[in-house]
């Protein structure tokens, strides 16, 4: 009869551990990311101020910087595509 009580306590303990492990989250660091903006801003002003290199952007400067970056990436992809067609290094 004593062994039966110990078996019951063991069964309750195991089922409690299983229930808690299922219901509790593993870690809060594993929360899925939902913001893919990746904008480089500061908290100096509400909404953030854009950063251009080592200084705060002047009006219109950030958009010009993004355009130059996009153009540079596009030209590299064209060069690499041509290099691959010619079977040379990119």
C-alpha atoms as a PDB file:
ATOM      1  CA  UNK A   1       0.000   0.000   0.000  1.00  0.00           C
ATOM      2  CA  UNK A   2       2.899   2.340   0.742  1.00  0.00           C
ATOM      3  CA  UNK A   3       4.453   1.542  -2.624  1.00  0.00           C
ATOM      4  CA  UNK A   4       1.151   2.379  -4.311  1.00  0.00           C
ATOM      5  CA  UNK A   5       1.144   5.841  -2.672  1.00  0.00           C
ATOM      6  CA  UNK A   6       4.712   6.467  -3.850  1.00  0.00           C
ATOM      7  CA  UNK A   7       3.769   5.435  -7.380  1.00  0.00           C
ATOM      8  CA  UNK A   8       0.821   7.850  -7.295  1.00  0.00           C
ATOM      9  CA  UNK A   9       3.060  10.709  -6.116  1.00  0.00           C
ATOM     10  CA  UNK A  10       5.598   9.880  -8.806  1.00  0.00           C
ATOM     11  CA  UNK A  11       2.903   9.861 -11.483  1.00  0.00           C
ATOM     12  CA  UNK A  12       1.562  13.229 -10.281  1.00  0.00           C
ATOM     13  CA  UNK A  13       5.074  14.724 -10.220  1.00  0.00           C
ATOM     14  CA  UNK A  14       5.882  13.529 -13.741  1.00  0.00           C
ATOM     15  CA  UNK A  15       2.567  14.730 -15.166  1.00  0.00           C
ATOM     16  CA  UNK A  16       3.000  18.112 -13.445  1.00  0.00           C
ATOM     17  CA  UNK A  17       6.482  18.521 -14.875  1.00  0.00           C
ATOM     18  CA  UNK A  18       5.250  17.610 -18.358  1.00  0.00           C
ATOM     19  CA  UNK A  19       2.307  20.013 -18.131  1.00  0.00           C
ATOM     20  CA  UNK A  20       4.526  22.874 -16.957  1.00  0.00           C
ATOM     21  CA  UNK A  21       7.145  22.221 -19.625  1.00  0.00           C
ATOM     22  CA  UNK A  22       4.500  22.383 -22.330  1.00  0.00           C
ATOM     23  CA  UNK A  23       2.703  25.496 -21.077  1.00  0.00           C
ATOM     24  CA  UNK A  24       5.682  27.634 -20.038  1.00  0.00           C
ATOM     25  CA  UNK A  25       7.727  29.340 -22.782  1.00  0.00           C
ATOM     26  CA  UNK A  26      11.273  28.111 -23.267  1.00  0.00           C
ATOM     27  CA  UNK A  27      12.846  31.581 -23.159  1.00  0.00           C
ATOM     28  CA  UNK A  28      11.748  35.125 -23.844  1.00  0.00           C
ATOM     29  CA  UNK A  29      14.793  35.631 -26.085  1.00  0.00           C
ATOM     30  CA  UNK A  30      13.182  33.363 -28.658  1.00  0.00           C
ATOM     31  CA  UNK A  31      10.323  35.699 -29.467  1.00  0.00           C
ATOM     32  CA  UNK A  32       9.870  35.853 -33.209  1.00  0.00           C
ATOM     33  CA  UNK A  33      10.969  39.100 -34.838  1.00  0.00           C
ATOM     34  CA  UNK A  34       8.181  41.098 -36.452  1.00  0.00           C
ATOM     35  CA  UNK A  35       9.924  44.378 -37.330  1.00  0.00           C
ATOM     36  CA  UNK A  36      12.093  44.178 -40.443  1.00  0.00           C
ATOM     37  CA  UNK A  37      12.525  47.931 -40.937  1.00  0.00           C
ATOM     38  CA  UNK A  38      16.290  47.886 -40.181  1.00  0.00           C
ATOM     39  CA  UNK A  39      16.423  51.667 -40.322  1.00  0.00           C
ATOM     40  CA  UNK A  40      19.377  53.367 -38.677  1.00  0.00           C
ATOM     41  CA  UNK A  41      17.817  55.959 -36.430  1.00  0.00           C
ATOM     42  CA  UNK A  42      18.470  57.536 -33.066  1.00  0.00           C
ATOM     43  CA  UNK A  43      16.093  58.106 -30.208  1.00  0.00           C
ATOM     44  CA  UNK A  44      16.956  61.809 -30.127  1.00  0.00           C
ATOM     45  CA  UNK A  45      13.616  62.838 -31.623  1.00  0.00           C
ATOM     46  CA  UNK A  46      10.219  61.199 -31.704  1.00  0.00           C
ATOM     47  CA  UNK A  47      10.266  58.894 -34.713  1.00  0.00           C
ATOM     48  CA  UNK A  48      14.070  58.896 -34.855  1.00  0.00           C
ATOM     49  CA  UNK A  49      16.554  61.001 -36.769  1.00  0.00           C
ATOM     50  CA  UNK A  50      18.269  59.452 -39.772  1.00  0.00           C
ATOM     51  CA  UNK A  51      22.034  58.906 -39.561  1.00  0.00           C
ATOM     52  CA  UNK A  52      24.278  59.549 -42.580  1.00  0.00           C
ATOM     53  CA  UNK A  53      27.737  58.154 -41.896  1.00  0.00           C
ATOM     54  CA  UNK A  54      29.040  59.968 -38.814  1.00  0.00           C
ATOM     55  CA  UNK A  55      26.512  62.815 -38.636  1.00  0.00           C
ATOM     56  CA  UNK A  56      22.786  63.500 -38.591  1.00  0.00           C
ATOM     57  CA  UNK A  57      21.339  63.661 -42.086  1.00  0.00           C
ATOM     58  CA  UNK A  58      20.376  66.958 -43.603  1.00  0.00           C
ATOM     59  CA  UNK A  59      17.008  67.186 -45.397  1.00  0.00           C
ATOM     60  CA  UNK A  60      17.048  64.946 -48.481  1.00  0.00           C
ATOM     61  CA  UNK A  61      20.524  63.565 -47.768  1.00  0.00           C
ATOM     62  CA  UNK A  62      19.294  60.195 -46.478  1.00  0.00           C
ATOM     63  CA  UNK A  63      17.249  59.538 -49.636  1.00  0.00           C
ATOM     64  CA  UNK A  64      20.249  60.402 -51.834  1.00  0.00           C
ATOM     65  CA  UNK A  65      22.429  58.060 -49.782  1.00  0.00           C
ATOM     66  CA  UNK A  66      19.944  55.204 -50.226  1.00  0.00           C
ATOM     67  CA  UNK A  67      19.776  55.845 -53.990  1.00  0.00           C
ATOM     68  CA  UNK A  68      23.597  55.787 -54.300  1.00  0.00           C
ATOM     69  CA  UNK A  69      23.737  52.552 -52.302  1.00  0.00           C
ATOM     70  CA  UNK A  70      21.048  50.950 -54.441  1.00  0.00           C
ATOM     71  CA  UNK A  71      22.777  52.067 -57.665  1.00  0.00           C
ATOM     72  CA  UNK A  72      26.122  50.696 -56.447  1.00  0.00           C
ATOM     73  CA  UNK A  73      24.587  47.330 -55.584  1.00  0.00           C
ATOM     74  CA  UNK A  74      22.845  47.200 -58.955  1.00  0.00           C
ATOM     75  CA  UNK A  75      26.027  47.957 -60.901  1.00  0.00           C
ATOM     76  CA  UNK A  76      27.945  45.267 -58.983  1.00  0.00           C
ATOM     77  CA  UNK A  77      25.267  42.708 -59.757  1.00  0.00           C
ATOM     78  CA  UNK A  78      25.494  43.565 -63.480  1.00  0.00           C
ATOM     79  CA  UNK A  79      29.291  43.214 -63.418  1.00  0.00           C
ATOM     80  CA  UNK A  80      29.051  39.882 -61.592  1.00  0.00           C
ATOM     81  CA  UNK A  81      26.434  38.577 -64.007  1.00  0.00           C
ATOM     82  CA  UNK A  82      28.705  39.423 -66.954  1.00  0.00           C
ATOM     83  CA  UNK A  83      31.715  37.895 -65.189  1.00  0.00           C
ATOM     84  CA  UNK A  84      29.811  34.682 -64.550  1.00  0.00           C
ATOM     85  CA  UNK A  85      28.798  34.482 -68.188  1.00  0.00           C
ATOM     86  CA  UNK A  86      32.469  34.872 -69.155  1.00  0.00           C
ATOM     87  CA  UNK A  87      33.449  32.356 -66.462  1.00  0.00           C
ATOM     88  CA  UNK A  88      35.741  34.847 -64.677  1.00  0.00           C
ATOM     89  CA  UNK A  89      35.885  36.117 -61.123  1.00  0.00           C
ATOM     90  CA  UNK A  90      33.347  38.667 -60.037  1.00  0.00           C
END
